[in-house]
């Protein structure tokens, strides 16, 4: 049980609307915990979902049916205990989570219609079918949190955990850095913006007159890097205010179906938006993005501004975090003091995780120093200027307590939580009515559950 206890809980909460076009017709109960039953289709469909989601990915290890069933048993036991402990989940919480899941699947499949076609049912039916499963998942998460969320690790425990690990099993880390930036986005002058705006108005007239289709103009003129994948089409929800630029979202929801907006200015550039379809707070839109080019004059102004900020940092007149908050145009990093994070969210990154311009700047920097203002092009094709702060740099090394304490502590904490969960289940499994179908009698991971089943019979 210990090997899958943490991870397999996620399987029990997989959202069945992820394209289960061929559900099992002949079904049967294969397990039961208390009054909670598990169907053969629960296991088979969960495994099918996992296989579908893993398509095209390398080195993905899928759980076995035995492990999936164990995850289902674990979830049912946690739900039973949550009900005994009077834990609750509100209808609003379930509805909000369902809405979020549906929006993710619509974004994944391209439209609500495609999702409904693949699922073989309407979005309303999908929600109704999986409300109870969502409630169980939420209750199980709450119960797991009640068991382990207050668990802490002392430095002594972390050291003991580290000392128990064979030295040749400790991971080896390449050179890593802690890097932060202050980013300034040069603003195009008004004449350039007006010129680009006139071009966008011309695109709008071409579509409204029937001379061109909006999709054709997206292909030829839009500077949205995502257009090659989605043709400039997006699924919006009025409440997704953290995901979309406010001006873009507001402008889109002022439109009627088929209507094309006037010029909308967002932090990404200038847009015209076409409303494809709308249902309440959900909408499908297309857009054309144009990024007004900035001239050398605007770039030099941004450089001069950052030169002044850099001098104040070096002179100690302001600290880096305060400078980020006051001057940086990168909204995404303002609350992390400008930190550049890795793919796993860690503040320690390797050179292969940053752009080429930053690699060049970091090459000759020493910890505690600031780069000169550097022009770079972001992932959306916009020219920006930044200064880079190299906070720390490690040498290639085998994991150790001095340099990697947080990583070790995190692993130690997960191990401790796993031990406590395993102990909790060993104590509580015998208190539930357990039934497991004979077809799973060779699953070694279900040993504790079968013991409880046999004890029940005796």
Protein backbone atom coordinates (compact mmCIF):
# COMPACT_ATOMS: atom_id res chain seq x y z
CA UNK A 1 0.00 0.00 0.00
CA UNK A 2 2.76 2.43 0.90
CA UNK A 3 4.13 2.69 -2.64
CA UNK A 4 0.87 3.93 -4.12
CA UNK A 5 -0.83 5.53 -1.15
CA UNK A 6 -0.05 9.14 -2.07
CA UNK A 7 -0.17 9.00 -5.85
CA UNK A 8 -3.04 6.61 -6.45
CA UNK A 9 -5.52 8.83 -4.60
CA UNK A 10 -5.50 11.03 -7.66
CA UNK A 11 -6.79 8.21 -9.84
CA UNK A 12 -10.00 7.96 -7.87
CA UNK A 13 -10.73 11.55 -8.80
CA UNK A 14 -10.16 11.33 -12.53
CA UNK A 15 -12.90 13.16 -14.34
CA UNK A 16 -14.80 10.62 -16.36
CA UNK A 17 -15.88 13.14 -18.99
CA UNK A 18 -12.46 12.82 -20.58
CA UNK A 19 -13.72 11.09 -23.68
CA UNK A 20 -15.21 7.85 -22.44
CA UNK A 21 -17.02 7.22 -25.67
CA UNK A 22 -17.04 3.44 -25.21
CA UNK A 23 -18.18 2.78 -21.66
CA UNK A 24 -18.63 -0.77 -20.45
CA UNK A 25 -22.16 -2.09 -20.92
CA UNK A 26 -21.95 -5.30 -18.89
CA UNK A 27 -20.95 -4.18 -15.38
CA UNK A 28 -20.61 -5.69 -11.94
CA UNK A 29 -19.61 -4.82 -8.39
CA UNK A 30 -15.98 -5.83 -7.84
CA UNK A 31 -15.40 -4.34 -4.38
CA UNK A 32 -17.15 -2.67 -1.48
CA UNK A 33 -16.08 -0.62 1.53
CA UNK A 34 -18.92 -0.13 3.99
CA UNK A 35 -21.88 0.91 1.85
CA UNK A 36 -19.61 2.29 -0.92
CA UNK A 37 -19.40 0.07 -4.01
CA UNK A 38 -16.79 -0.04 -6.75
CA UNK A 39 -17.81 -1.17 -10.24
CA UNK A 40 -15.70 -2.92 -12.83
CA UNK A 41 -16.30 0.07 -15.10
CA UNK A 42 -14.82 2.43 -12.47
CA UNK A 43 -11.48 0.64 -12.78
CA UNK A 44 -11.60 0.00 -16.52
CA UNK A 45 -12.63 3.55 -17.41
CA UNK A 46 -10.00 5.07 -15.09
CA UNK A 47 -7.31 2.98 -16.79
CA UNK A 48 -8.63 3.94 -20.25
CA UNK A 49 -8.50 7.63 -19.28
CA UNK A 50 -4.92 7.31 -18.07
CA UNK A 51 -3.86 5.57 -21.29
CA UNK A 52 -5.55 8.25 -23.37
CA UNK A 53 -3.89 11.06 -21.45
CA UNK A 54 -0.49 9.37 -21.73
CA UNK A 55 -0.63 9.12 -25.53
CA UNK A 56 2.34 10.84 -27.12
CA UNK A 57 4.25 11.11 -23.83
CA UNK A 58 7.54 9.32 -23.23
CA UNK A 59 8.51 7.27 -20.18
CA UNK A 60 5.03 7.21 -18.65
CA UNK A 61 4.42 4.34 -16.22
CA UNK A 62 0.72 3.55 -15.92
CA UNK A 63 -0.74 1.98 -12.78
CA UNK A 64 -2.06 -1.57 -12.96
CA UNK A 65 -5.70 -2.51 -12.43
CA UNK A 66 -4.68 -3.71 -8.96
CA UNK A 67 -3.27 -0.30 -8.10
CA UNK A 68 -6.29 1.52 -9.50
CA UNK A 69 -8.61 -0.68 -7.45
CA UNK A 70 -6.49 0.03 -4.37
CA UNK A 71 -6.85 3.73 -5.06
CA UNK A 72 -10.62 3.30 -5.27
CA UNK A 73 -10.68 1.34 -1.99
CA UNK A 74 -8.57 4.01 -0.31
CA UNK A 75 -10.89 6.77 -1.50
CA UNK A 76 -14.02 4.94 -0.33
CA UNK A 77 -12.50 4.38 3.13
CA UNK A 78 -11.55 8.05 3.41
CA UNK A 79 -15.05 9.11 2.36
CA UNK A 80 -16.63 6.83 4.98
CA UNK A 81 -14.40 8.29 7.69
CA UNK A 82 -15.09 11.83 6.49
CA UNK A 83 -18.81 11.19 6.86
CA UNK A 84 -18.26 9.73 10.34
CA UNK A 85 -16.25 12.83 11.27
CA UNK A 86 -19.03 15.09 9.90
CA UNK A 87 -16.85 16.66 7.20
CA UNK A 88 -18.90 18.39 4.52
CA UNK A 89 -18.59 19.73 1.00
CA UNK A 90 -20.96 22.46 -0.17
CA UNK A 91 -22.96 22.23 -3.39
CA UNK A 92 -21.36 25.51 -4.52
CA UNK A 93 -17.87 24.05 -4.06
CA UNK A 94 -18.77 21.02 -6.16
CA UNK A 95 -20.40 23.18 -8.83
CA UNK A 96 -17.36 25.45 -9.05
CA UNK A 97 -15.00 22.50 -9.34
CA UNK A 98 -17.19 20.91 -12.02
CA UNK A 99 -17.19 24.18 -13.97
CA UNK A 100 -13.41 24.38 -13.79
CA UNK A 101 -13.00 20.79 -14.97
CA UNK A 102 -15.46 21.28 -17.84
CA UNK A 103 -13.63 24.41 -18.99
CA UNK A 104 -10.31 22.56 -18.99
CA UNK A 105 -11.74 19.76 -21.09
CA UNK A 106 -13.38 22.18 -23.50
CA UNK A 107 -10.04 23.96 -23.89
CA UNK A 108 -8.34 20.59 -24.42
CA UNK A 109 -10.78 19.37 -27.09
CA UNK A 110 -11.32 22.72 -28.78
CA UNK A 111 -15.03 23.32 -28.23
CA UNK A 112 -18.02 22.31 -26.15
CA UNK A 113 -19.53 20.56 -29.15
CA UNK A 114 -16.49 18.33 -29.65
CA UNK A 115 -16.44 17.41 -25.95
CA UNK A 116 -20.13 16.52 -26.04
CA UNK A 117 -19.66 14.44 -29.19
CA UNK A 118 -16.76 12.47 -27.70
CA UNK A 119 -18.46 12.01 -24.32
CA UNK A 120 -21.76 11.06 -25.96
CA UNK A 121 -23.73 13.39 -23.71
CA UNK A 122 -24.37 17.07 -23.06
CA UNK A 123 -22.27 19.16 -20.70
CA UNK A 124 -25.28 19.27 -18.36
CA UNK A 125 -25.45 15.46 -18.33
CA UNK A 126 -21.70 15.20 -17.79
CA UNK A 127 -22.01 17.43 -14.72
CA UNK A 128 -24.97 15.49 -13.34
CA UNK A 129 -23.26 12.13 -13.90
CA UNK A 130 -20.13 13.09 -12.02
CA UNK A 131 -21.40 15.27 -9.17
CA UNK A 132 -21.39 12.37 -6.73
CA UNK A 133 -17.89 11.30 -7.80
CA UNK A 134 -16.68 14.86 -7.36
CA UNK A 135 -18.23 15.05 -3.89
CA UNK A 136 -16.48 11.82 -2.89
CA UNK A 137 -13.16 13.10 -4.17
CA UNK A 138 -13.53 16.34 -2.19
CA UNK A 139 -14.45 14.47 0.99
CA UNK A 140 -11.52 12.06 0.56
CA UNK A 141 -9.14 15.00 0.07
CA UNK A 142 -10.48 16.66 3.22
CA UNK A 143 -10.05 13.48 5.25
CA UNK A 144 -6.53 12.92 3.99
CA UNK A 145 -5.75 16.53 4.89
CA UNK A 146 -7.15 16.01 8.37
CA UNK A 147 -4.81 13.04 8.85
CA UNK A 148 -1.56 14.50 7.51
CA UNK A 149 -1.75 18.26 6.88
CA UNK A 150 -0.44 19.18 10.34
CA UNK A 151 2.53 16.83 10.12
CA UNK A 152 5.86 18.66 10.43
CA UNK A 153 9.53 17.71 10.20
CA UNK A 154 12.15 18.81 12.69
CA UNK A 155 15.75 19.44 11.55
CA UNK A 156 16.78 16.37 13.56
CA UNK A 157 14.29 14.21 11.65
CA UNK A 158 15.47 15.60 8.32
CA UNK A 159 19.08 14.81 9.20
CA UNK A 160 18.16 11.29 10.30
CA UNK A 161 16.25 10.75 7.03
CA UNK A 162 19.26 11.94 5.03
CA UNK A 163 21.70 9.75 6.98
CA UNK A 164 19.58 6.66 6.31
CA UNK A 165 19.85 7.14 2.55
CA UNK A 166 22.78 5.25 0.99
CA UNK A 167 25.28 7.78 -0.33
CA UNK A 168 25.37 6.20 -3.78
CA UNK A 169 21.57 6.60 -3.99
CA UNK A 170 21.64 10.34 -3.43
CA UNK A 171 20.77 12.35 -6.58
CA UNK A 172 23.44 14.32 -8.43
CA UNK A 173 22.62 17.93 -9.33
CA UNK A 174 24.10 19.98 -12.14
CA UNK A 175 25.06 23.59 -11.48
CA UNK A 176 21.92 25.52 -10.50
CA UNK A 177 21.12 29.18 -10.00
CA UNK A 178 18.65 31.43 -8.25
CA UNK A 179 17.82 34.22 -10.71
CA UNK A 180 15.44 37.18 -10.56
CA UNK A 181 14.62 39.88 -13.11
CA UNK A 182 13.13 43.34 -13.43
CA UNK A 183 11.38 43.66 -16.80
CA UNK A 184 10.38 46.86 -18.57
CA UNK A 185 8.19 46.72 -21.66
CA UNK A 186 8.92 49.57 -24.09
CA UNK A 187 5.75 51.25 -25.32
CA UNK A 188 5.29 51.82 -29.05
CA UNK A 189 4.71 55.47 -29.94
CA UNK A 190 1.21 56.70 -30.80
CA UNK A 191 1.85 57.00 -34.53
CA UNK A 192 2.83 53.32 -34.76
CA UNK A 193 -0.19 52.26 -32.68
CA UNK A 194 -2.50 54.28 -34.92
CA UNK A 195 -1.01 52.69 -38.04
CA UNK A 196 -1.51 49.16 -36.66
CA UNK A 197 -5.03 50.09 -35.51
CA UNK A 198 -5.93 51.19 -39.06
CA UNK A 199 -4.73 47.82 -40.36
CA UNK A 200 -6.94 46.01 -37.86
CA UNK A 201 -9.94 48.16 -38.82
CA UNK A 202 -9.27 47.21 -42.44
CA UNK A 203 -9.31 43.50 -41.50
CA UNK A 204 -12.64 44.04 -39.75
CA UNK A 205 -14.16 45.73 -42.82
CA UNK A 206 -12.97 42.90 -45.08
CA UNK A 207 -14.79 40.33 -42.93
CA UNK A 208 -17.95 42.40 -42.49
CA UNK A 209 -18.15 43.04 -46.25
CA UNK A 210 -17.76 39.33 -46.98
CA UNK A 211 -14.50 39.84 -48.87
CA UNK A 212 -12.50 37.64 -46.48
CA UNK A 213 -13.17 35.16 -43.70
CA UNK A 214 -11.90 35.98 -40.24
CA UNK A 215 -10.02 32.66 -40.10
CA UNK A 216 -8.07 33.56 -43.24
CA UNK A 217 -6.94 36.86 -41.78
CA UNK A 218 -5.89 35.14 -38.57
CA UNK A 219 -3.66 32.84 -40.57
CA UNK A 220 -1.95 35.64 -42.49
CA UNK A 221 -1.78 38.52 -40.01
CA UNK A 222 -2.22 37.48 -36.37
CA UNK A 223 0.91 37.57 -34.20
CA UNK A 224 -0.56 35.27 -31.56
CA UNK A 225 1.97 32.40 -31.26
CA UNK A 226 -0.90 30.02 -30.46
CA UNK A 227 -2.60 30.54 -33.82
CA UNK A 228 -0.86 27.56 -35.43
CA UNK A 229 -2.51 25.25 -32.91
CA UNK A 230 -5.94 26.82 -32.49
CA UNK A 231 -6.44 29.13 -35.46
CA UNK A 232 -6.85 32.09 -33.12
CA UNK A 233 -9.87 30.48 -31.42
CA UNK A 234 -10.28 30.35 -27.64
CA UNK A 235 -12.87 29.19 -25.13
CA UNK A 236 -13.57 31.86 -22.53
CA UNK A 237 -15.47 31.98 -19.30
CA UNK A 238 -16.47 35.34 -17.88
CA UNK A 239 -15.21 34.32 -14.42
CA UNK A 240 -11.69 33.30 -15.55
CA UNK A 241 -10.31 36.73 -14.69
CA UNK A 242 -6.93 35.38 -13.64
CA UNK A 243 -6.38 33.62 -16.96
CA UNK A 244 -7.25 36.44 -19.37
CA UNK A 245 -6.32 40.07 -19.78
CA UNK A 246 -9.20 42.11 -18.28
CA UNK A 247 -9.58 44.33 -21.36
CA UNK A 248 -9.66 41.31 -23.68
CA UNK A 249 -12.22 39.46 -21.51
CA UNK A 250 -14.43 42.52 -21.07
CA UNK A 251 -14.32 43.37 -24.78
CA UNK A 252 -15.20 39.82 -25.80
CA UNK A 253 -18.29 39.58 -23.59
CA UNK A 254 -19.70 42.82 -24.97
CA UNK A 255 -20.13 41.13 -28.35
CA UNK A 256 -23.09 39.29 -29.84
CA UNK A 257 -22.66 36.11 -31.87
CA UNK A 258 -20.98 36.86 -35.20
CA UNK A 259 -20.07 40.40 -34.17
CA UNK A 260 -16.52 41.76 -34.47
CA UNK A 261 -15.15 44.16 -31.87
CA UNK A 262 -13.44 47.45 -32.35
CA UNK A 263 -9.77 47.75 -31.44
CA UNK A 264 -9.06 46.33 -27.98
CA UNK A 265 -5.76 47.14 -26.32
CA UNK A 266 -4.41 44.55 -23.88
CA UNK A 267 -1.03 44.04 -22.26
CA UNK A 268 -0.15 41.79 -25.22
CA UNK A 269 -0.94 44.27 -27.99
CA UNK A 270 -3.93 45.30 -30.13
CA UNK A 271 -6.78 42.91 -30.97
CA UNK A 272 -9.99 42.57 -32.90
CA UNK A 273 -12.25 39.81 -31.55
CA UNK A 274 -15.00 37.87 -33.27
CA UNK A 275 -17.69 36.22 -31.14
CA UNK A 276 -18.21 32.71 -32.56
CA UNK A 277 -20.77 31.43 -30.04
CA UNK A 278 -21.93 32.19 -26.55
CA UNK A 279 -23.88 30.39 -23.82
CA UNK A 280 -24.25 32.37 -20.59
CA UNK A 281 -20.82 32.91 -19.06
CA UNK A 282 -19.11 30.70 -21.66
CA UNK A 283 -18.04 31.88 -25.08
CA UNK A 284 -15.97 30.81 -28.08
CA UNK A 285 -14.08 33.64 -29.76
CA UNK A 286 -11.50 34.20 -32.46
CA UNK A 287 -9.04 37.06 -32.41
CA UNK A 288 -6.32 38.71 -34.42
CA UNK A 289 -3.40 40.05 -32.40
CA UNK A 290 -1.03 42.68 -33.71
CA UNK A 291 1.95 43.81 -31.66
CA UNK A 292 2.91 47.41 -32.53
CA UNK A 293 6.68 47.37 -33.09
CA UNK A 294 8.85 49.46 -30.81
CA UNK A 295 11.62 51.61 -32.24
CA UNK A 296 15.18 52.00 -30.97
CA UNK A 297 14.15 55.22 -29.25
CA UNK A 298 11.62 53.45 -26.99
CA UNK A 299 14.06 50.62 -26.28
CA UNK A 300 16.78 53.11 -25.29
CA UNK A 301 14.33 54.85 -22.95
CA UNK A 302 13.66 51.51 -21.23
CA UNK A 303 17.39 50.86 -20.98
CA UNK A 304 17.98 54.27 -19.39
CA UNK A 305 15.25 53.60 -16.84
CA UNK A 306 16.78 50.25 -15.92
CA UNK A 307 20.27 51.78 -15.76
CA UNK A 308 19.01 54.13 -13.06
CA UNK A 309 17.32 51.26 -11.18
CA UNK A 310 20.51 49.18 -11.40
CA UNK A 311 22.59 52.04 -9.97
CA UNK A 312 20.18 52.40 -7.05
CA UNK A 313 20.39 48.64 -6.40
CA UNK A 314 24.19 48.68 -6.42
CA UNK A 315 24.27 51.76 -4.15
CA UNK A 316 21.88 50.08 -1.72
CA UNK A 317 19.15 52.71 -2.11
CA UNK A 318 16.51 50.03 -2.77
CA UNK A 319 16.35 46.25 -2.41
CA UNK A 320 15.57 44.01 -5.36
CA UNK A 321 12.14 42.88 -4.16
CA UNK A 322 10.98 46.45 -3.69
CA UNK A 323 12.37 47.42 -7.10
CA UNK A 324 10.46 44.57 -8.76
CA UNK A 325 7.24 45.64 -7.08
CA UNK A 326 7.71 49.28 -8.04
CA UNK A 327 9.15 49.08 -11.55
CA UNK A 328 8.69 45.66 -13.20
CA UNK A 329 6.12 45.25 -15.96
CA UNK A 330 6.11 41.47 -15.54
CA UNK A 331 2.92 40.93 -13.53
CA UNK A 332 3.58 37.20 -13.22
CA UNK A 333 6.69 37.65 -11.08
CA UNK A 334 5.79 40.71 -9.00
CA UNK A 335 4.67 38.60 -6.05
CA UNK A 336 7.80 36.43 -6.11
CA UNK A 337 10.31 39.31 -6.12
CA UNK A 338 10.99 38.70 -9.81
CA UNK A 339 12.13 35.09 -9.34
CA UNK A 340 12.62 32.97 -12.46
CA UNK A 341 11.25 29.51 -11.64
CA UNK A 342 11.94 26.11 -13.14
CA UNK A 343 9.50 23.71 -14.76
CA UNK A 344 8.76 22.18 -11.36
CA UNK A 345 8.18 25.57 -9.74
CA UNK A 346 11.53 25.52 -7.95
CA UNK A 347 13.50 28.74 -7.53
CA UNK A 348 16.66 26.82 -8.49
CA UNK A 349 17.05 26.55 -12.26
CA UNK A 350 19.58 25.20 -14.75
CA UNK A 351 20.86 26.96 -17.86
CA UNK A 352 18.70 24.83 -20.15
CA UNK A 353 15.60 26.36 -18.53
CA UNK A 354 16.27 29.96 -19.57
CA UNK A 355 16.37 31.73 -22.94
CA UNK A 356 19.56 32.18 -24.97
CA UNK A 357 19.94 35.87 -24.13
CA UNK A 358 19.85 35.11 -20.42
CA UNK A 359 22.39 32.30 -20.81
CA UNK A 360 24.82 34.77 -22.36
CA UNK A 361 24.29 37.30 -19.56
CA UNK A 362 24.64 34.75 -16.75
CA UNK A 363 27.82 33.21 -18.13
CA UNK A 364 30.14 35.84 -16.63
CA UNK A 365 28.01 36.96 -13.66
CA UNK A 366 28.93 36.30 -10.05
CA UNK A 367 26.39 35.71 -7.25
CA UNK A 368 25.09 38.99 -5.83
CA UNK A 369 25.59 40.98 -9.05
CA UNK A 370 23.22 42.68 -11.52
CA UNK A 371 23.47 42.53 -15.29
CA UNK A 372 23.40 45.59 -17.49
CA UNK A 373 20.01 46.23 -19.18
CA UNK A 374 19.45 43.50 -21.76
CA UNK A 375 17.03 43.50 -24.70
CA UNK A 376 15.20 40.20 -25.23
CA UNK A 377 12.19 38.82 -27.05
CA UNK A 378 9.55 37.07 -24.95
CA UNK A 379 7.55 33.97 -25.89
CA UNK A 380 4.86 36.12 -27.53
CA UNK A 381 7.34 37.92 -29.77
CA UNK A 382 7.40 41.23 -27.86
CA UNK A 383 10.66 43.11 -27.37
CA UNK A 384 11.39 43.88 -23.73
CA UNK A 385 14.31 45.03 -21.60
CA UNK A 386 15.44 43.54 -18.28
CA UNK A 387 18.16 43.47 -15.69
CA UNK A 388 19.11 40.11 -14.20
CA UNK A 389 20.04 39.50 -10.57
CA UNK A 390 22.09 36.36 -9.91
CA UNK A 391 21.27 35.60 -6.31
CA UNK A 392 23.09 32.30 -5.97
CA UNK A 393 24.90 29.65 -8.01
CA UNK A 394 25.75 26.12 -6.95
CA UNK A 395 28.49 23.88 -8.29
CA UNK A 396 27.66 20.41 -9.65
CA UNK A 397 27.34 18.21 -6.58
CA UNK A 398 25.92 15.15 -4.89
CA UNK A 399 22.92 16.02 -2.74
CA UNK A 400 23.87 17.24 0.73
CA UNK A 401 22.22 18.86 3.74
CA UNK A 402 23.97 22.21 3.37
CA UNK A 403 22.96 22.94 -0.22
CA UNK A 404 19.80 20.87 -0.60
CA UNK A 405 18.12 20.97 2.79
CA UNK A 406 14.70 22.03 1.44
CA UNK A 407 14.63 19.23 -1.11
CA UNK A 408 15.60 16.63 1.47
CA UNK A 409 13.09 18.01 3.97
CA UNK A 410 10.34 17.82 1.35
CA UNK A 411 11.08 14.16 0.60
CA UNK A 412 11.35 13.37 4.29
CA UNK A 413 7.98 15.03 4.95
CA UNK A 414 6.27 13.05 2.18
CA UNK A 415 7.79 9.87 3.58
CA UNK A 416 6.54 10.70 7.07
CA UNK A 417 3.05 11.45 5.76
CA UNK A 418 3.07 8.17 3.85
CA UNK A 419 4.04 6.28 7.01
CA UNK A 420 1.27 7.96 9.01
CA UNK A 421 -1.31 7.27 6.31
CA UNK A 422 -0.24 3.64 6.13
CA UNK A 423 -0.56 3.30 9.90
CA UNK A 424 -3.96 5.00 9.81
CA UNK A 425 -5.24 2.58 7.18
CA UNK A 426 -3.93 -0.49 9.02
CA UNK A 427 -5.85 0.67 12.08
CA UNK A 428 -9.05 1.58 10.24
CA UNK A 429 -9.41 -0.99 7.46
CA UNK A 430 -10.48 -3.73 9.93
CA UNK A 431 -13.30 -1.46 11.16
CA UNK A 432 -15.02 -1.41 7.74
CA UNK A 433 -16.99 -4.03 5.92
CA UNK A 434 -14.68 -5.08 3.03
CA UNK A 435 -15.53 -7.15 -0.02
CA UNK A 436 -13.22 -7.77 -3.00
CA UNK A 437 -14.03 -9.92 -6.03
CA UNK A 438 -12.02 -13.13 -6.47
CA UNK A 439 -10.65 -11.92 -9.81
CA UNK A 440 -8.34 -9.60 -7.83
CA UNK A 441 -7.12 -12.22 -5.34
CA UNK A 442 -3.61 -12.20 -6.87
CA UNK A 443 -3.13 -8.46 -6.26
CA UNK A 444 -0.36 -8.30 -3.66
CA UNK A 445 -1.09 -4.61 -2.95
CA UNK A 446 -4.55 -5.53 -1.63
CA UNK A 447 -3.26 -7.83 1.12
CA UNK A 448 -4.41 -5.63 4.03
CA UNK A 449 -7.86 -5.29 2.50
CA UNK A 450 -8.21 -9.07 1.97
CA UNK A 451 -7.16 -9.71 5.60
CA UNK A 452 -10.03 -7.48 6.72
CA UNK A 453 -12.39 -9.32 4.38
CA UNK A 454 -11.40 -12.70 5.77
CA UNK A 455 -11.64 -11.47 9.35
CA UNK A 456 -15.17 -10.27 8.59
CA UNK A 457 -16.15 -13.73 7.36
CA UNK A 458 -14.64 -15.45 10.39
